[in-house]
Amino acid sequence: MDAFKLVRPILFALPPERAHDVGLSLMRFASRIHAEPMPVKTALGELANPLGMPAGYDKTGSHLRSLARLGFGYVVAGTFTLAPWPGNPKPRVARNKGERTLVNALGFPNPGIDSFIANLSSRAPPDVPVMASISGKTMEDVLGCYSKVQKHVAGVELNLSSPNTPDLRDLREPVAFAELSQALKDAKAKPTYLKTPPYAEEGQFDGVMGLVRRWESLGFEGVTASNSMPVEDARMGVGRGGWSGPPLLDHTKKAVERIRRSVDPAFEVNACGGISSPADAEALLELGANTVQVFTALVYQGPALVKSILSDAGVRRAVLTKGPT
């Protein structure tokens, strides 16, 4: 029997944030998932497969080796900031079990970039590429974080799109983003990706595409599309949060499709949001995603989801059809 099925009732009896911490600790006991490689060439190097663990799952960088053993082709740690952040007041995570979604208003609780680097340096490294997700409320904070972390990771993901940290919106304003992106380009030493806001509607995504085009024009490697969907939710201590899970899949498809047809084929798109089955992963790869990331579905389905995606003939066919990127 799948071990996750045994512990799932216990985890779901706990408050969501506590359950996540316990589940993360238990990952070190999970069996290594073996799957036939389906190599994908990216700016991070040649990945064993196109499945990624997104930012938000390991917020300290203490569990990356355990997560890599689940079979992921790469893992994203964080999001990290220059100095430690406590995040938003609790409660800040809630489950919607019927629709298998989550709402979170975490607000980037993390120990700071120096602590992450220490955690990464003090442990045996994962056997897959590690990206660090970074953010900050000011350009100086983001640049400081960027300059410190690059030499320790395979790549960096810039997260300015969290729905739970309102001040981040300032850095997405055209003038501020132009200044920040140029400064990042000047300091760039590793592949760097921009995590975009979700596709809520066409007019809203026009603004997102302005960021994407600017990002591509400066020679950055790609984007991660997309973050969770902003929602009002009285269960959150701040009254709102980011909604994630299967209903976001159509939004992710629209984002990937629009970005892919607007950028150069070499510009990478990591699809994130609503992926909960091999068929979902296959569909996004066929729409032009280079990799796909799973989070919320992993909370509900456990490591068996990773194995099912990596062993799926349709996913393998989609990867082989794409060929080198």
Protein backbone atom coordinates (compact mmCIF):
# COMPACT_ATOMS: atom_id res chain seq x y z
CA MET A 1 0.00 0.00 0.00
CA ASP A 2 1.19 3.53 -0.75
CA ALA A 3 2.70 4.80 2.51
CA PHE A 4 1.19 8.23 1.88
CA LYS A 5 -2.28 6.70 2.09
CA LEU A 6 -1.44 5.52 5.61
CA VAL A 7 -0.24 8.88 6.89
CA ARG A 8 -2.63 11.10 4.91
CA PRO A 9 -5.48 10.92 7.49
CA ILE A 10 -3.03 11.93 10.21
CA LEU A 11 -1.65 14.83 8.19
CA PHE A 12 -5.11 16.07 7.23
CA ALA A 13 -6.16 16.02 10.88
CA LEU A 14 -3.50 18.65 11.55
CA PRO A 15 -3.75 22.34 10.65
CA PRO A 16 -2.51 22.76 7.05
CA GLU A 17 0.71 24.61 7.81
CA ARG A 18 1.66 22.15 10.55
CA ALA A 19 0.78 19.22 8.30
CA HIS A 20 3.04 20.60 5.61
CA ASP A 21 5.99 20.83 7.99
CA VAL A 22 5.42 17.29 9.27
CA GLY A 23 4.97 15.91 5.76
CA LEU A 24 8.16 17.63 4.62
CA SER A 25 10.08 16.01 7.46
CA LEU A 26 8.65 12.60 6.57
CA MET A 27 9.85 12.92 2.97
CA ARG A 28 13.27 11.64 4.05
CA PHE A 29 11.67 8.22 4.60
CA ALA A 30 10.06 8.11 1.15
CA SER A 31 11.36 5.52 -1.26
CA ARG A 32 13.43 6.77 -4.16
CA ILE A 33 11.34 6.91 -7.31
CA HIS A 34 13.03 5.31 -10.29
CA ALA A 35 11.80 6.16 -13.76
CA GLU A 36 13.27 5.85 -17.21
CA PRO A 37 14.94 9.17 -18.03
CA MET A 38 13.30 11.48 -20.55
CA PRO A 39 16.06 14.11 -20.90
CA VAL A 40 15.18 17.75 -21.39
CA LYS A 41 17.81 20.32 -22.34
CA THR A 42 17.41 23.60 -20.47
CA ALA A 43 19.57 26.52 -19.41
CA LEU A 44 20.00 24.68 -16.09
CA GLY A 45 21.63 21.81 -17.98
CA GLU A 46 20.20 18.54 -19.20
CA LEU A 47 17.45 17.47 -16.80
CA ALA A 48 16.58 13.80 -16.29
CA ASN A 49 12.93 14.73 -16.85
CA PRO A 50 10.72 17.83 -17.21
CA LEU A 51 9.06 17.64 -13.78
CA GLY A 52 9.98 20.34 -11.27
CA MET A 53 9.27 20.96 -7.61
CA PRO A 54 8.18 24.62 -7.43
CA ALA A 55 9.04 27.29 -4.91
CA GLY A 56 7.07 27.25 -1.68
CA TYR A 57 7.46 23.60 -0.74
CA ASP A 58 10.86 23.87 0.96
CA LYS A 59 11.14 27.39 2.34
CA THR A 60 14.47 26.83 4.10
CA GLY A 61 16.43 24.64 1.70
CA SER A 62 16.79 21.96 4.38
CA HIS A 63 14.89 19.19 2.58
CA LEU A 64 16.03 19.46 -1.03
CA ARG A 65 17.85 16.13 -1.14
CA SER A 66 14.75 14.30 0.12
CA LEU A 67 12.56 16.06 -2.42
CA ALA A 68 14.97 15.29 -5.26
CA ARG A 69 14.75 11.59 -4.37
CA LEU A 70 11.06 11.68 -5.27
CA GLY A 71 12.09 11.84 -8.92
CA PHE A 72 11.99 15.53 -9.82
CA GLY A 73 14.20 16.77 -12.64
CA TYR A 74 14.94 19.95 -10.67
CA VAL A 75 13.81 21.64 -7.46
CA VAL A 76 13.14 25.28 -6.58
CA ALA A 77 13.81 26.36 -2.99
CA GLY A 78 12.36 29.38 -1.23
CA THR A 79 11.11 32.04 -1.76
CA PHE A 80 14.01 33.76 0.04
CA THR A 81 14.55 37.39 0.93
CA LEU A 82 17.72 39.25 1.87
CA ALA A 83 16.83 39.31 5.58
CA PRO A 84 14.58 36.83 7.43
CA TRP A 85 10.85 37.44 7.05
CA PRO A 86 8.21 36.13 9.47
CA GLY A 87 5.48 36.15 6.83
CA ASN A 88 1.86 37.13 7.42
CA PRO A 89 -0.06 36.53 10.66
CA LYS A 90 -1.77 33.17 11.10
CA PRO A 91 -4.07 31.61 10.05
CA ARG A 92 -2.52 31.71 6.60
CA VAL A 93 -3.26 28.36 4.92
CA ALA A 94 -6.61 26.61 4.36
CA ARG A 95 -7.73 23.50 2.51
CA ASN A 96 -10.75 23.14 0.24
CA LYS A 97 -10.88 19.34 0.30
CA GLY A 98 -13.86 18.97 -2.04
CA GLU A 99 -12.08 20.68 -4.94
CA ARG A 100 -8.58 19.65 -3.80
CA THR A 101 -7.37 23.24 -3.67
CA LEU A 102 -5.47 25.34 -1.17
CA VAL A 103 -5.57 29.00 -0.21
CA ASN A 104 -2.39 30.42 1.27
CA ALA A 105 -1.46 33.82 2.60
CA LEU A 106 1.98 32.88 3.87
CA GLY A 107 3.75 36.02 2.70
CA PHE A 108 7.22 34.51 2.23
CA PRO A 109 8.14 33.27 5.72
CA ASN A 110 11.80 32.36 5.35
CA PRO A 111 15.09 32.42 7.28
CA GLY A 112 16.83 34.79 4.86
CA ILE A 113 19.22 34.12 2.02
CA ASP A 114 22.30 33.67 4.22
CA SER A 115 20.59 30.90 6.17
CA PHE A 116 19.58 29.18 2.94
CA ILE A 117 23.15 29.29 1.65
CA ALA A 118 24.37 27.84 4.96
CA ASN A 119 21.76 25.06 4.80
CA LEU A 120 22.71 24.25 1.24
CA SER A 121 26.43 24.26 1.98
CA SER A 122 26.21 22.10 5.11
CA ARG A 123 24.38 19.19 3.48
CA ALA A 124 25.11 16.71 0.74
CA PRO A 125 23.84 18.40 -2.42
CA PRO A 126 20.78 17.06 -4.25
CA ASP A 127 21.55 15.10 -7.41
CA VAL A 128 19.39 17.45 -9.50
CA PRO A 129 19.77 21.17 -10.28
CA VAL A 130 18.59 23.55 -7.55
CA MET A 131 17.06 26.94 -8.25
CA ALA A 132 16.53 29.58 -5.60
CA SER A 133 13.37 31.67 -5.66
CA ILE A 134 14.07 35.20 -4.44
CA SER A 135 12.08 38.34 -3.77
CA GLY A 136 12.14 41.59 -1.82
CA LYS A 137 10.22 44.78 -1.20
CA THR A 138 12.91 47.03 -2.66
CA MET A 139 15.22 46.82 -5.64
CA GLU A 140 18.21 46.94 -3.32
CA ASP A 141 16.93 43.92 -1.37
CA VAL A 142 16.32 41.89 -4.52
CA LEU A 143 19.75 42.74 -5.95
CA GLY A 144 21.44 41.92 -2.66
CA CYS A 145 19.73 38.55 -2.54
CA TYR A 146 20.58 37.89 -6.19
CA SER A 147 24.26 38.71 -5.83
CA LYS A 148 24.65 36.46 -2.79
CA VAL A 149 22.87 33.36 -4.03
CA GLN A 150 23.94 32.95 -7.64
CA LYS A 151 27.22 31.12 -7.08
CA HIS A 152 25.48 28.54 -4.88
CA VAL A 153 22.70 27.41 -7.24
CA ALA A 154 22.11 26.32 -10.81
CA GLY A 155 19.63 29.12 -11.43
CA VAL A 156 17.44 31.79 -9.88
CA GLU A 157 13.70 32.48 -10.08
CA LEU A 158 12.52 36.03 -9.40
CA ASN A 159 9.14 36.10 -7.67
CA LEU A 160 7.45 39.48 -7.88
CA SER A 161 3.98 38.01 -8.35
CA SER A 162 2.95 36.65 -4.97
CA PRO A 163 -0.67 37.67 -4.22
CA ASN A 164 0.18 37.69 -0.51
CA THR A 165 2.80 40.45 -0.42
CA PRO A 166 1.17 43.66 -1.73
CA ASP A 167 4.36 45.76 -1.74
CA LEU A 168 5.77 43.53 -4.47
CA ARG A 169 3.37 45.10 -6.95
CA ASP A 170 5.51 48.24 -6.93
CA LEU A 171 8.41 46.39 -8.57
CA ARG A 172 6.12 45.24 -11.39
CA GLU A 173 5.27 48.77 -12.43
CA PRO A 174 6.81 49.38 -15.87
CA VAL A 175 9.41 51.95 -14.83
CA ALA A 176 10.43 50.09 -11.67
CA PHE A 177 10.55 46.76 -13.48
CA ALA A 178 12.66 48.19 -16.30
CA GLU A 179 15.17 49.50 -13.77
CA LEU A 180 15.19 46.29 -11.73
CA SER A 181 15.46 43.95 -14.71
CA GLN A 182 18.35 45.93 -16.17
CA ALA A 183 20.18 45.88 -12.84
CA LEU A 184 19.64 42.12 -12.60
CA LYS A 185 20.95 41.69 -16.14
CA ASP A 186 24.09 43.62 -15.22
CA ALA A 187 24.64 41.33 -12.21
CA LYS A 188 23.59 38.10 -13.94
CA ALA A 189 25.85 35.04 -13.64
CA LYS A 190 23.35 32.16 -13.70
CA PRO A 191 20.16 31.32 -15.63
CA THR A 192 17.35 33.48 -14.29
CA TYR A 193 13.58 33.08 -14.65
CA LEU A 194 10.68 35.42 -13.89
CA LYS A 195 7.63 33.99 -12.10
CA THR A 196 4.59 35.64 -13.64
CA PRO A 197 1.18 36.50 -12.23
CA PRO A 198 -1.56 34.09 -13.36
CA TYR A 199 -3.75 34.53 -16.42
CA ALA A 200 -6.88 36.02 -14.85
CA GLU A 201 -8.26 37.59 -18.03
CA GLU A 202 -6.91 38.82 -21.35
CA GLY A 203 -6.62 42.50 -20.49
CA GLN A 204 -4.82 41.80 -17.23
CA PHE A 205 -2.41 39.45 -18.99
CA ASP A 206 -1.55 42.13 -21.52
CA GLY A 207 0.36 43.79 -18.68
CA VAL A 208 2.05 40.54 -17.78
CA MET A 209 3.16 40.11 -21.38
CA GLY A 210 4.85 43.50 -21.18
CA LEU A 211 7.01 42.14 -18.35
CA VAL A 212 7.70 38.93 -20.29
CA ARG A 213 8.77 40.79 -23.43
CA ARG A 214 11.07 43.06 -21.42
CA TRP A 215 12.54 40.01 -19.67
CA GLU A 216 13.19 38.23 -22.96
CA SER A 217 14.67 41.32 -24.60
CA LEU A 218 17.36 41.48 -21.91
CA GLY A 219 18.44 37.93 -22.61
CA PHE A 220 17.02 36.15 -19.58
CA GLU A 221 16.38 32.45 -20.05
CA GLY A 222 12.65 32.18 -19.40
CA VAL A 223 9.64 32.46 -17.13
CA THR A 224 7.61 30.34 -14.75
CA ALA A 225 3.91 30.67 -15.54
CA SER A 226 2.31 31.19 -13.16
CA ASN A 227 1.73 32.06 -9.51
CA SER A 228 -1.44 31.35 -7.53
CA MET A 229 -4.69 33.23 -8.17
CA PRO A 230 -5.55 36.11 -5.79
CA VAL A 231 -8.79 35.51 -3.85
CA GLU A 232 -10.59 37.04 -0.91
CA ASP A 233 -10.84 34.52 1.95
CA ALA A 234 -12.03 35.33 5.47
CA ARG A 235 -10.19 32.30 6.84
CA MET A 236 -6.88 34.06 6.24
CA GLY A 237 -5.54 36.37 8.90
CA VAL A 238 -5.07 39.07 6.25
CA GLY A 239 -8.45 38.35 4.60
CA ARG A 240 -7.07 37.21 1.26
CA GLY A 241 -4.64 34.75 -0.25
CA GLY A 242 -3.56 32.79 -3.28
CA TRP A 243 -5.79 30.00 -4.60
CA SER A 244 -4.09 26.94 -6.10
CA GLY A 245 -5.12 23.55 -7.42
CA PRO A 246 -6.88 21.87 -10.38
CA PRO A 247 -9.24 24.78 -11.29
CA LEU A 248 -6.19 26.84 -12.25
CA LEU A 249 -5.19 24.48 -15.04
CA ASP A 250 -7.12 26.32 -17.76
CA HIS A 251 -5.56 29.61 -16.66
CA THR A 252 -2.10 28.03 -16.87
CA LYS A 253 -2.83 26.67 -20.33
CA LYS A 254 -3.84 30.15 -21.53
CA ALA A 255 -0.71 31.69 -20.02
CA VAL A 256 1.64 29.10 -21.54
CA GLU A 257 -0.03 29.24 -24.94
CA ARG A 258 0.10 33.03 -25.12
CA ILE A 259 3.68 33.30 -23.90
CA ARG A 260 4.93 30.55 -26.19
CA ARG A 261 3.47 32.08 -29.33
CA SER A 262 4.95 35.49 -28.41
CA VAL A 263 8.55 34.55 -27.63
CA ASP A 264 11.51 32.93 -29.34
CA PRO A 265 11.52 29.10 -29.29
CA ALA A 266 14.71 29.18 -27.18
CA PHE A 267 12.97 31.18 -24.44
CA GLU A 268 11.90 28.69 -21.77
CA VAL A 269 8.50 28.37 -20.13
CA ASN A 270 8.07 26.44 -16.89
CA ALA A 271 4.37 25.68 -16.43
CA CYS A 272 3.00 25.87 -12.89
CA GLY A 273 -0.58 25.86 -11.67
CA GLY A 274 -3.33 23.26 -11.58
CA ILE A 275 -1.31 20.26 -12.76
CA SER A 276 -2.74 17.20 -11.02
CA SER A 277 -2.42 14.32 -13.50
CA PRO A 278 -0.20 12.98 -16.30
CA ALA A 279 -2.75 14.26 -18.83
CA ASP A 280 -2.37 17.79 -17.45
CA ALA A 281 1.40 17.63 -17.73
CA GLU A 282 1.18 16.24 -21.26
CA ALA A 283 -1.20 19.01 -22.35
CA LEU A 284 1.08 21.77 -21.11
CA LEU A 285 4.16 20.23 -22.69
CA GLU A 286 2.27 20.03 -25.97
CA LEU A 287 1.33 23.72 -25.63
CA GLY A 288 5.01 24.58 -25.49
CA ALA A 289 6.07 24.34 -21.85
CA ASN A 290 9.66 23.17 -21.39
CA THR A 291 8.99 21.84 -17.89
CA VAL A 292 6.00 21.43 -15.58
CA GLN A 293 5.80 21.90 -11.81
CA VAL A 294 3.45 20.29 -9.27
CA PHE A 295 2.65 21.47 -5.75
CA THR A 296 -0.97 21.43 -4.55
CA ALA A 297 -1.73 18.08 -6.16
CA LEU A 298 1.27 16.63 -4.34
CA VAL A 299 -0.31 17.68 -1.05
CA TYR A 300 -3.47 15.72 -1.87
CA GLN A 301 -2.01 12.79 -3.83
CA GLY A 302 1.46 12.32 -2.39
CA PRO A 303 4.60 11.05 -4.16
CA ALA A 304 2.58 8.59 -6.24
CA LEU A 305 1.66 11.54 -8.47
CA VAL A 306 5.32 12.05 -9.38
CA LYS A 307 5.70 8.41 -10.34
CA SER A 308 2.51 8.43 -12.40
CA ILE A 309 3.64 11.49 -14.40
CA LEU A 310 7.15 10.18 -14.98
CA SER A 311 5.94 6.76 -16.13
CA ASP A 312 3.18 8.06 -18.41
CA ALA A 313 3.52 7.26 -22.10
CA GLY A 314 1.79 10.50 -23.14
CA VAL A 315 4.18 12.65 -21.13
CA ARG A 316 7.14 10.77 -22.57
CA ARG A 317 5.79 11.19 -26.09
CA ALA A 318 5.30 14.95 -25.54
CA VAL A 319 8.91 15.29 -24.37
CA LEU A 320 10.36 13.24 -27.22
CA THR A 321 8.27 15.13 -29.78
CA LYS A 322 9.61 18.48 -28.55
CA GLY A 323 13.19 17.38 -29.03
CA PRO A 324 16.14 19.59 -27.95
CA THR A 325 15.37 23.14 -26.81
